Amino acid sequence: MKKIYLSMIVALAAVAVNAEDTTVDFEDINLAENSFDNGSAGNGDFKSGGYSFYNEYHADYGGYYYGFTISTQTSTAYKALTDQYNSCVGFGADGSKTYSVCYFSTWGASPVSIKNTNGNTFSPKSIAVTNAAYAFNSMRFGDTYAKKFTETDYFTLSFIGYKDNAETNTVTVDLAKEGMALFTWKTIDLSELGEVDEIRFSMVSSDPDTYGGYNTPMYFCIDNFVTETSTTPVNSVAATINSVKAVGLYSADGQELTSFNKGVNILKMSDGSAQKIFK
């Protein structure tokens, strides 16, 4: 199989554009060097630069989360559980210290999303993205559960704008396509989303699993989110909270577990469904 080649990318500077624009670069979270915060303190969504980044942490089975985490880790490896907070680059956009690693899932109480902390509408301009080390290494080399990518495989991330619970538009970026995997920070134009009160995320891989999801680890990294904030409060109806809970944890071969194993874990939910958790 052919190897995955590197992509050459240009990143935005981590500074405010003007008085009306905001650049969220996560540096105001003041995370220590070579560390991560996955939300285990139970404080909920991460807040930076006036915006809220969805995080849902559960202490069951040794702990697991959905959504965004904050990282300053410089390793690009994936060899242990803590490596799921590594980027494939080893630093933030424009060489900065701090960035966010997101684990995408549709099983959280609310969608994985970005909102304004004051409930205002906003007009997204751009965002820097790259692959997480876990996803990149899985696509490049393959692993126990996921295939090594070839020229016919793909891995895509979509930004979906919402206003008053209605979609405004979608912007999609290829994290891997035609034998190439994104290996540096890439700045994505989000202006086509228009004025929104929320950005939600979606991911698709060419390597599906038997549970309705994907074998490719559904991780990505973001930084330098540039947006123009309105003073208009959001009037949309609040989203319905999903009351489905985890009721059991199993290995990929069906063995019941008391804590997560490295690799794929199957989380059985109270509605009879199953969620695959990567570790």
C-alpha atoms as a PDB file:
ATOM      1  CA  MET A   1       0.000   0.000   0.000  1.00  0.00           C
ATOM      2  CA  LYS A   2       1.181   3.500  -0.704  1.00  0.00           C
ATOM      3  CA  LYS A   3       2.265   5.683   2.170  1.00  0.00           C
ATOM      4  CA  ILE A   4       0.328   8.773   3.219  1.00  0.00           C
ATOM      5  CA  TYR A   5       2.062  11.970   2.138  1.00  0.00           C
ATOM      6  CA  LEU A   6       2.204  15.214   4.068  1.00  0.00           C
ATOM      7  CA  SER A   7       0.189  18.369   3.314  1.00  0.00           C
ATOM      8  CA  MET A   8       1.706  21.850   3.359  1.00  0.00           C
ATOM      9  CA  ILE A   9      -0.545  24.352   5.121  1.00  0.00           C
ATOM     10  CA  VAL A  10      -0.669  28.033   6.118  1.00  0.00           C
ATOM     11  CA  ALA A  11      -1.963  28.988   9.617  1.00  0.00           C
ATOM     12  CA  LEU A  12      -3.524  32.200  10.941  1.00  0.00           C
ATOM     13  CA  ALA A  13      -1.678  34.412  13.428  1.00  0.00           C
ATOM     14  CA  ALA A  14      -3.029  34.071  16.987  1.00  0.00           C
ATOM     15  CA  VAL A  15      -4.014  37.677  17.461  1.00  0.00           C
ATOM     16  CA  ALA A  16      -7.262  39.598  17.338  1.00  0.00           C
ATOM     17  CA  VAL A  17      -7.956  40.899  13.828  1.00  0.00           C
ATOM     18  CA  ASN A  18      -9.633  44.136  14.910  1.00  0.00           C
ATOM     19  CA  ALA A  19     -11.969  45.517  17.550  1.00  0.00           C
ATOM     20  CA  GLU A  20     -14.939  43.617  16.110  1.00  0.00           C
ATOM     21  CA  ASP A  21     -13.211  40.281  15.590  1.00  0.00           C
ATOM     22  CA  THR A  22     -12.194  37.673  18.146  1.00  0.00           C
ATOM     23  CA  THR A  23      -9.499  35.019  17.767  1.00  0.00           C
ATOM     24  CA  VAL A  24      -9.915  32.109  20.171  1.00  0.00           C
ATOM     25  CA  ASP A  25      -6.502  30.460  20.642  1.00  0.00           C
ATOM     26  CA  PHE A  26      -7.057  28.736  24.036  1.00  0.00           C
ATOM     27  CA  GLU A  27      -4.005  30.410  25.567  1.00  0.00           C
ATOM     28  CA  ASP A  28      -6.237  32.168  28.133  1.00  0.00           C
ATOM     29  CA  ILE A  29      -6.946  28.766  29.715  1.00  0.00           C
ATOM     30  CA  ASN A  30      -3.340  28.861  31.014  1.00  0.00           C
ATOM     31  CA  LEU A  31      -2.740  25.128  30.860  1.00  0.00           C
ATOM     32  CA  ALA A  32       0.672  23.940  32.054  1.00  0.00           C
ATOM     33  CA  GLU A  33       3.187  22.779  29.457  1.00  0.00           C
ATOM     34  CA  ASN A  34       2.965  19.168  28.227  1.00  0.00           C
ATOM     35  CA  SER A  35      -0.363  18.518  29.898  1.00  0.00           C
ATOM     36  CA  PHE A  36      -4.035  18.151  29.025  1.00  0.00           C
ATOM     37  CA  ASP A  37      -7.465  18.821  30.502  1.00  0.00           C
ATOM     38  CA  ASN A  38     -10.206  16.395  29.453  1.00  0.00           C
ATOM     39  CA  GLY A  39     -12.903  17.842  31.705  1.00  0.00           C
ATOM     40  CA  SER A  40     -12.429  15.372  34.566  1.00  0.00           C
ATOM     41  CA  ALA A  41     -12.853  18.194  37.108  1.00  0.00           C
ATOM     42  CA  GLY A  42     -16.517  18.272  36.128  1.00  0.00           C
ATOM     43  CA  ASN A  43     -16.669  21.941  35.143  1.00  0.00           C
ATOM     44  CA  GLY A  44     -18.466  21.250  31.877  1.00  0.00           C
ATOM     45  CA  ASP A  45     -17.755  23.096  28.643  1.00  0.00           C
ATOM     46  CA  PHE A  46     -14.373  24.761  28.133  1.00  0.00           C
ATOM     47  CA  LYS A  47     -14.579  28.534  27.785  1.00  0.00           C
ATOM     48  CA  SER A  48     -12.050  30.631  25.891  1.00  0.00           C
ATOM     49  CA  GLY A  49     -12.204  34.045  24.242  1.00  0.00           C
ATOM     50  CA  GLY A  50     -15.915  34.418  24.943  1.00  0.00           C
ATOM     51  CA  TYR A  51     -16.852  31.064  23.392  1.00  0.00           C
ATOM     52  CA  SER A  52     -17.923  27.728  24.838  1.00  0.00           C
ATOM     53  CA  PHE A  53     -16.569  24.402  23.535  1.00  0.00           C
ATOM     54  CA  TYR A  54     -18.679  21.376  24.400  1.00  0.00           C
ATOM     55  CA  ASN A  55     -17.247  18.893  26.895  1.00  0.00           C
ATOM     56  CA  GLU A  56     -19.044  16.041  28.628  1.00  0.00           C
ATOM     57  CA  TYR A  57     -17.055  13.923  31.089  1.00  0.00           C
ATOM     58  CA  HIS A  58     -18.226  10.721  32.825  1.00  0.00           C
ATOM     59  CA  ALA A  59     -16.314   9.140  35.712  1.00  0.00           C
ATOM     60  CA  ASP A  60     -17.752   5.637  35.068  1.00  0.00           C
ATOM     61  CA  TYR A  61     -15.406   2.802  34.028  1.00  0.00           C
ATOM     62  CA  GLY A  62     -12.303   4.822  34.794  1.00  0.00           C
ATOM     63  CA  GLY A  63     -13.506   7.925  32.975  1.00  0.00           C
ATOM     64  CA  TYR A  64     -14.460   8.876  29.427  1.00  0.00           C
ATOM     65  CA  TYR A  65     -15.515  12.034  27.613  1.00  0.00           C
ATOM     66  CA  TYR A  66     -17.161  13.458  24.526  1.00  0.00           C
ATOM     67  CA  GLY A  67     -16.253  16.677  22.773  1.00  0.00           C
ATOM     68  CA  PHE A  68     -13.371  19.076  23.254  1.00  0.00           C
ATOM     69  CA  THR A  69     -10.284  18.824  25.454  1.00  0.00           C
ATOM     70  CA  ILE A  70      -7.441  21.298  25.929  1.00  0.00           C
ATOM     71  CA  SER A  71      -3.836  20.236  25.310  1.00  0.00           C
ATOM     72  CA  THR A  72      -0.273  21.535  25.377  1.00  0.00           C
ATOM     73  CA  GLN A  73       1.312  18.152  24.663  1.00  0.00           C
ATOM     74  CA  THR A  74       4.207  18.152  22.215  1.00  0.00           C
ATOM     75  CA  SER A  75       4.468  14.436  21.441  1.00  0.00           C
ATOM     76  CA  THR A  76       3.040  13.244  18.118  1.00  0.00           C
ATOM     77  CA  ALA A  77       2.941   9.564  19.153  1.00  0.00           C
ATOM     78  CA  TYR A  78       0.040   7.303  19.999  1.00  0.00           C
ATOM     79  CA  LYS A  79       1.267   4.573  22.329  1.00  0.00           C
ATOM     80  CA  ALA A  80      -0.701   5.070  25.574  1.00  0.00           C
ATOM     81  CA  LEU A  81      -4.059   6.427  26.754  1.00  0.00           C
ATOM     82  CA  THR A  82      -2.690   9.901  27.432  1.00  0.00           C
ATOM     83  CA  ASP A  83      -1.524  10.081  23.807  1.00  0.00           C
ATOM     84  CA  GLN A  84      -5.112  10.652  22.652  1.00  0.00           C
ATOM     85  CA  TYR A  85      -4.522  14.321  23.565  1.00  0.00           C
ATOM     86  CA  ASN A  86      -1.598  14.678  21.122  1.00  0.00           C
ATOM     87  CA  SER A  87      -1.801  16.440  17.775  1.00  0.00           C
ATOM     88  CA  CYS A  88       0.026  15.059  14.741  1.00  0.00           C
ATOM     89  CA  VAL A  89       2.059  18.311  14.696  1.00  0.00           C
ATOM     90  CA  GLY A  90       3.248  18.668  18.281  1.00  0.00           C
ATOM     91  CA  PHE A  91       2.132  22.278  18.810  1.00  0.00           C
ATOM     92  CA  GLY A  92      -0.756  24.662  18.204  1.00  0.00           C
ATOM     93  CA  ALA A  93      -1.439  26.692  15.077  1.00  0.00           C
ATOM     94  CA  ASP A  94       1.292  29.192  14.213  1.00  0.00           C
ATOM     95  CA  GLY A  95       3.610  27.373  16.643  1.00  0.00           C
ATOM     96  CA  SER A  96       1.553  28.246  19.726  1.00  0.00           C
ATOM     97  CA  LYS A  97       1.540  26.240  22.952  1.00  0.00           C
ATOM     98  CA  THR A  98      -2.152  25.451  23.388  1.00  0.00           C
ATOM     99  CA  TYR A  99      -4.713  23.795  21.126  1.00  0.00           C
ATOM    100  CA  SER A 100      -7.861  21.692  21.409  1.00  0.00           C
ATOM    101  CA  VAL A 101      -8.263  17.984  20.638  1.00  0.00           C
ATOM    102  CA  CYS A 102     -11.834  16.853  20.018  1.00  0.00           C
ATOM    103  CA  TYR A 103     -13.291  13.352  20.247  1.00  0.00           C
ATOM    104  CA  PHE A 104     -16.356  13.462  18.009  1.00  0.00           C
ATOM    105  CA  SER A 105     -19.385  11.424  19.053  1.00  0.00           C
ATOM    106  CA  THR A 106     -23.145  11.636  18.568  1.00  0.00           C
ATOM    107  CA  TRP A 107     -23.798  10.016  21.953  1.00  0.00           C
ATOM    108  CA  GLY A 108     -23.391  12.992  24.252  1.00  0.00           C
ATOM    109  CA  ALA A 109     -26.266  14.731  26.027  1.00  0.00           C
ATOM    110  CA  SER A 110     -25.923  17.554  23.475  1.00  0.00           C
ATOM    111  CA  PRO A 111     -24.188  17.903  20.082  1.00  0.00           C
ATOM    112  CA  VAL A 112     -20.438  18.556  19.953  1.00  0.00           C
ATOM    113  CA  SER A 113     -20.518  22.289  19.226  1.00  0.00           C
ATOM    114  CA  ILE A 114     -19.187  25.818  19.682  1.00  0.00           C
ATOM    115  CA  LYS A 115     -21.412  28.577  21.107  1.00  0.00           C
ATOM    116  CA  ASN A 116     -20.971  32.155  22.300  1.00  0.00           C
ATOM    117  CA  THR A 117     -20.863  32.243  26.112  1.00  0.00           C
ATOM    118  CA  ASN A 118     -23.195  35.273  26.253  1.00  0.00           C
ATOM    119  CA  GLY A 119     -25.761  33.660  23.996  1.00  0.00           C
ATOM    120  CA  ASN A 120     -25.071  36.054  21.113  1.00  0.00           C
ATOM    121  CA  THR A 121     -25.099  35.242  17.433  1.00  0.00           C
ATOM    122  CA  PHE A 122     -21.752  35.344  15.620  1.00  0.00           C
ATOM    123  CA  SER A 123     -20.302  35.213  12.119  1.00  0.00           C
ATOM    124  CA  PRO A 124     -17.475  32.631  11.875  1.00  0.00           C
ATOM    125  CA  LYS A 125     -14.579  33.677   9.650  1.00  0.00           C
ATOM    126  CA  SER A 126     -11.957  30.915   9.878  1.00  0.00           C
ATOM    127  CA  ILE A 127     -10.488  28.149  12.000  1.00  0.00           C
ATOM    128  CA  ALA A 128      -7.226  26.165  11.945  1.00  0.00           C
ATOM    129  CA  VAL A 129      -7.505  22.360  11.887  1.00  0.00           C
ATOM    130  CA  THR A 130      -5.202  19.357  11.812  1.00  0.00           C
ATOM    131  CA  ASN A 131      -5.301  15.656  12.592  1.00  0.00           C
ATOM    132  CA  ALA A 132      -4.945  14.275  16.083  1.00  0.00           C
ATOM    133  CA  ALA A 133      -1.980  11.936  16.524  1.00  0.00           C
ATOM    134  CA  TYR A 134      -4.308   8.994  17.246  1.00  0.00           C
ATOM    135  CA  ALA A 135      -6.250   9.344  13.988  1.00  0.00           C
ATOM    136  CA  PHE A 136      -3.184  10.222  11.909  1.00  0.00           C
ATOM    137  CA  ASN A 137      -1.136   7.224  13.045  1.00  0.00           C
ATOM    138  CA  SER A 138      -4.116   4.896  12.631  1.00  0.00           C
ATOM    139  CA  MET A 139      -4.695   6.058   9.048  1.00  0.00           C
ATOM    140  CA  ARG A 140      -0.999   5.993   8.184  1.00  0.00           C
ATOM    141  CA  PHE A 141      -0.087   2.584   9.616  1.00  0.00           C
ATOM    142  CA  GLY A 142      -3.381   0.873  10.469  1.00  0.00           C
ATOM    143  CA  ASP A 143      -3.998  -0.695  13.874  1.00  0.00           C
ATOM    144  CA  THR A 144      -5.807  -3.635  15.481  1.00  0.00           C
ATOM    145  CA  TYR A 145      -9.234  -2.258  14.552  1.00  0.00           C
ATOM    146  CA  ALA A 146      -8.763   0.259  11.732  1.00  0.00           C
ATOM    147  CA  LYS A 147      -7.342  -0.134   8.229  1.00  0.00           C
ATOM    148  CA  LYS A 148      -4.265   1.529   6.817  1.00  0.00           C
ATOM    149  CA  PHE A 149      -5.498   4.178   4.390  1.00  0.00           C
ATOM    150  CA  THR A 150      -4.863   3.967   0.645  1.00  0.00           C
ATOM    151  CA  GLU A 151      -5.561   6.404  -2.201  1.00  0.00           C
ATOM    152  CA  THR A 152      -9.256   5.421  -2.218  1.00  0.00           C
ATOM    153  CA  ASP A 153      -9.872   6.211   1.468  1.00  0.00           C
ATOM    154  CA  TYR A 154     -11.115   9.444   3.021  1.00  0.00           C
ATOM    155  CA  PHE A 155     -11.632  11.081   6.416  1.00  0.00           C
ATOM    156  CA  THR A 156     -13.683  14.303   6.494  1.00  0.00           C
ATOM    157  CA  LEU A 157     -14.707  16.881   9.084  1.00  0.00           C
ATOM    158  CA  SER A 158     -17.759  19.113   8.620  1.00  0.00           C
ATOM    159  CA  PHE A 159     -18.625  22.416  10.305  1.00  0.00           C
ATOM    160  CA  ILE A 160     -22.404  22.890  10.314  1.00  0.00           C
ATOM    161  CA  GLY A 161     -23.833  26.310  11.099  1.00  0.00           C
ATOM    162  CA  TYR A 162     -27.097  26.626  13.044  1.00  0.00           C
ATOM    163  CA  LYS A 163     -29.335  29.584  13.798  1.00  0.00           C
ATOM    164  CA  ASP A 164     -32.620  29.149  15.668  1.00  0.00           C
ATOM    165  CA  ASN A 165     -32.162  25.364  15.354  1.00  0.00           C
ATOM    166  CA  ALA A 166     -32.069  25.564  11.546  1.00  0.00           C
ATOM    167  CA  GLU A 167     -28.994  24.807   9.442  1.00  0.00           C
ATOM    168  CA  THR A 168     -27.415  27.781   7.703  1.00  0.00           C
ATOM    169  CA  ASN A 169     -24.681  26.052   5.678  1.00  0.00           C
ATOM    170  CA  THR A 170     -21.911  23.439   5.898  1.00  0.00           C
ATOM    171  CA  VAL A 171     -18.153  23.705   5.344  1.00  0.00           C
ATOM    172  CA  THR A 172     -16.199  20.453   4.921  1.00  0.00           C
ATOM    173  CA  VAL A 173     -12.458  19.794   5.127  1.00  0.00           C
ATOM    174  CA  ASP A 174     -10.569  16.644   4.109  1.00  0.00           C
ATOM    175  CA  LEU A 175      -8.435  15.305   6.940  1.00  0.00           C
ATOM    176  CA  ALA A 176      -7.335  12.523   4.584  1.00  0.00           C
ATOM    177  CA  LYS A 177      -8.010  12.009   0.878  1.00  0.00           C
ATOM    178  CA  GLU A 178      -6.371  10.380  -2.155  1.00  0.00           C
ATOM    179  CA  GLY A 179      -3.406   9.019  -0.225  1.00  0.00           C
ATOM    180  CA  MET A 180      -2.742  12.265   1.647  1.00  0.00           C
ATOM    181  CA  ALA A 181      -3.362  12.928   5.357  1.00  0.00           C
ATOM    182  CA  LEU A 182      -3.310  16.421   6.821  1.00  0.00           C
ATOM    183  CA  PHE A 183      -0.098  16.748   8.842  1.00  0.00           C
ATOM    184  CA  THR A 184       0.161  20.486   9.506  1.00  0.00           C
ATOM    185  CA  TRP A 185      -2.299  23.189  10.534  1.00  0.00           C
ATOM    186  CA  LYS A 186      -4.714  24.248   7.787  1.00  0.00           C
ATOM    187  CA  THR A 187      -6.816  27.412   7.922  1.00  0.00           C
ATOM    188  CA  ILE A 188     -10.417  26.818   6.844  1.00  0.00           C
ATOM    189  CA  ASP A 189     -12.695  29.618   5.599  1.00  0.00           C
ATOM    190  CA  LEU A 190     -15.959  29.465   7.593  1.00  0.00           C
ATOM    191  CA  SER A 191     -17.570  32.622   6.215  1.00  0.00           C
ATOM    192  CA  GLU A 192     -20.081  30.584   4.179  1.00  0.00           C
ATOM    193  CA  LEU A 193     -21.760  29.529   7.427  1.00  0.00           C
ATOM    194  CA  GLY A 194     -23.157  33.066   7.758  1.00  0.00           C
ATOM    195  CA  GLU A 195     -24.577  34.405  11.019  1.00  0.00           C
ATOM    196  CA  VAL A 196     -25.104  31.542  13.479  1.00  0.00           C
ATOM    197  CA  ASP A 197     -25.744  30.866  17.138  1.00  0.00           C
ATOM    198  CA  GLU A 198     -23.963  27.493  17.097  1.00  0.00           C
ATOM    199  CA  ILE A 199     -21.462  25.460  15.072  1.00  0.00           C
ATOM    200  CA  ARG A 200     -21.914  21.697  15.217  1.00  0.00           C
ATOM    201  CA  PHE A 201     -19.532  19.046  13.921  1.00  0.00           C
ATOM    202  CA  SER A 202     -19.780  15.850  11.919  1.00  0.00           C
ATOM    203  CA  MET A 203     -17.187  13.297  10.748  1.00  0.00           C
ATOM    204  CA  VAL A 204     -17.154  10.570   8.093  1.00  0.00           C
ATOM    205  CA  SER A 205     -14.572   7.862   7.317  1.00  0.00           C
ATOM    206  CA  SER A 206     -14.251   5.318   4.505  1.00  0.00           C
ATOM    207  CA  ASP A 207     -13.645   2.620   7.161  1.00  0.00           C
ATOM    208  CA  PRO A 208     -17.061   1.842   8.755  1.00  0.00           C
ATOM    209  CA  ASP A 209     -17.540  -0.526  11.676  1.00  0.00           C
ATOM    210  CA  THR A 210     -20.403  -2.930  12.495  1.00  0.00           C
ATOM    211  CA  TYR A 211     -21.967  -0.590  15.086  1.00  0.00           C
ATOM    212  CA  GLY A 212     -23.037   2.180  12.720  1.00  0.00           C
ATOM    213  CA  GLY A 213     -19.844   4.167  13.323  1.00  0.00           C
ATOM    214  CA  TYR A 214     -16.280   4.049  12.034  1.00  0.00           C
ATOM    215  CA  ASN A 215     -13.085   2.145  12.821  1.00  0.00           C
ATOM    216  CA  THR A 216     -10.959   5.243  12.196  1.00  0.00           C
ATOM    217  CA  PRO A 217     -10.498   7.078  15.538  1.00  0.00           C
ATOM    218  CA  MET A 218     -12.876  10.065  15.316  1.00  0.00           C
ATOM    219  CA  TYR A 219     -10.479  12.729  16.589  1.00  0.00           C
ATOM    220  CA  PHE A 220      -9.386  16.110  15.227  1.00  0.00           C
ATOM    221  CA  CYS A 221      -7.632  19.260  16.474  1.00  0.00           C
ATOM    222  CA  ILE A 222      -8.624  22.940  16.243  1.00  0.00           C
ATOM    223  CA  ASP A 223      -7.020  26.280  17.071  1.00  0.00           C
ATOM    224  CA  ASN A 224      -7.257  29.989  16.145  1.00  0.00           C
ATOM    225  CA  PHE A 225     -11.032  30.244  15.770  1.00  0.00           C
ATOM    226  CA  VAL A 226     -11.692  33.689  14.242  1.00  0.00           C
ATOM    227  CA  THR A 227     -15.199  35.137  14.455  1.00  0.00           C
ATOM    228  CA  GLU A 228     -17.127  38.383  14.504  1.00  0.00           C
ATOM    229  CA  THR A 229     -19.479  38.502  17.482  1.00  0.00           C
ATOM    230  CA  SER A 230     -22.895  40.140  17.336  1.00  0.00           C
ATOM    231  CA  THR A 231     -24.632  41.810  20.276  1.00  0.00           C
ATOM    232  CA  THR A 232     -27.838  39.965  19.384  1.00  0.00           C
ATOM    233  CA  PRO A 233     -28.859  37.325  21.956  1.00  0.00           C
ATOM    234  CA  VAL A 234     -29.818  33.871  20.741  1.00  0.00           C
ATOM    235  CA  ASN A 235     -33.570  33.286  20.717  1.00  0.00           C
ATOM    236  CA  SER A 236     -33.507  29.668  19.658  1.00  0.00           C
ATOM    237  CA  VAL A 237     -35.292  26.964  21.611  1.00  0.00           C
ATOM    238  CA  ALA A 238     -32.999  24.986  23.921  1.00  0.00           C
ATOM    239  CA  ALA A 239     -32.008  21.550  22.689  1.00  0.00           C
ATOM    240  CA  THR A 240     -33.640  18.510  24.233  1.00  0.00           C
ATOM    241  CA  ILE A 241     -31.305  16.709  26.641  1.00  0.00           C
ATOM    242  CA  ASN A 242     -30.668  13.073  25.883  1.00  0.00           C
ATOM    243  CA  SER A 243     -31.352  10.970  28.990  1.00  0.00           C
ATOM    244  CA  VAL A 244     -29.673   7.810  27.684  1.00  0.00           C
ATOM    245  CA  LYS A 245     -27.079   6.487  30.160  1.00  0.00           C
ATOM    246  CA  ALA A 246     -24.270   3.919  30.040  1.00  0.00           C
ATOM    247  CA  VAL A 247     -25.215   0.576  31.620  1.00  0.00           C
ATOM    248  CA  GLY A 248     -22.316  -1.705  30.712  1.00  0.00           C
ATOM    249  CA  LEU A 249     -18.795  -1.790  29.279  1.00  0.00           C
ATOM    250  CA  TYR A 250     -17.443  -4.568  27.054  1.00  0.00           C
ATOM    251  CA  SER A 251     -14.357  -5.397  25.016  1.00  0.00           C
ATOM    252  CA  ALA A 252     -14.578  -5.730  21.229  1.00  0.00           C
ATOM    253  CA  ASP A 253     -14.950  -9.517  21.648  1.00  0.00           C
ATOM    254  CA  GLY A 254     -17.851  -9.191  24.107  1.00  0.00           C
ATOM    255  CA  GLN A 255     -16.049  -9.576  27.468  1.00  0.00           C
ATOM    256  CA  GLU A 256     -17.518  -7.425  30.245  1.00  0.00           C
ATOM    257  CA  LEU A 257     -15.046  -4.846  31.604  1.00  0.00           C
ATOM    258  CA  THR A 258     -14.796  -2.776  34.768  1.00  0.00           C
ATOM    259  CA  SER A 259     -12.593  -0.120  33.138  1.00  0.00           C
ATOM    260  CA  PHE A 260     -11.522   0.848  29.630  1.00  0.00           C
ATOM    261  CA  ASN A 261      -8.940  -1.226  27.773  1.00  0.00           C
ATOM    262  CA  LYS A 262      -6.599   0.290  25.191  1.00  0.00           C
ATOM    263  CA  GLY A 263      -8.199   0.136  21.767  1.00  0.00           C
ATOM    264  CA  VAL A 264     -11.921  -0.253  21.087  1.00  0.00           C
ATOM    265  CA  ASN A 265     -14.399  -0.508  23.968  1.00  0.00           C
ATOM    266  CA  ILE A 266     -18.151  -1.050  23.559  1.00  0.00           C
ATOM    267  CA  LEU A 267     -20.346   1.019  25.867  1.00  0.00           C
ATOM    268  CA  LYS A 268     -23.892  -0.411  26.138  1.00  0.00           C
ATOM    269  CA  MET A 269     -26.533   2.285  26.639  1.00  0.00           C
ATOM    270  CA  SER A 270     -29.829   2.212  28.542  1.00  0.00           C
ATOM    271  CA  ASP A 271     -31.879   2.421  25.319  1.00  0.00           C
ATOM    272  CA  GLY A 272     -30.347  -0.833  24.023  1.00  0.00           C
ATOM    273  CA  SER A 273     -27.885   0.848  21.675  1.00  0.00           C
ATOM    274  CA  ALA A 274     -24.090   0.608  21.784  1.00  0.00           C
ATOM    275  CA  GLN A 275     -21.375   3.262  21.574  1.00  0.00           C
ATOM    276  CA  LYS A 276     -17.783   2.550  20.561  1.00  0.00           C
ATOM    277  CA  ILE A 277     -15.169   4.355  22.691  1.00  0.00           C
ATOM    278  CA  PHE A 278     -11.540   4.583  21.569  1.00  0.00           C
ATOM    279  CA  LYS A 279      -8.808   4.428  24.184  1.00  0.00           C
END
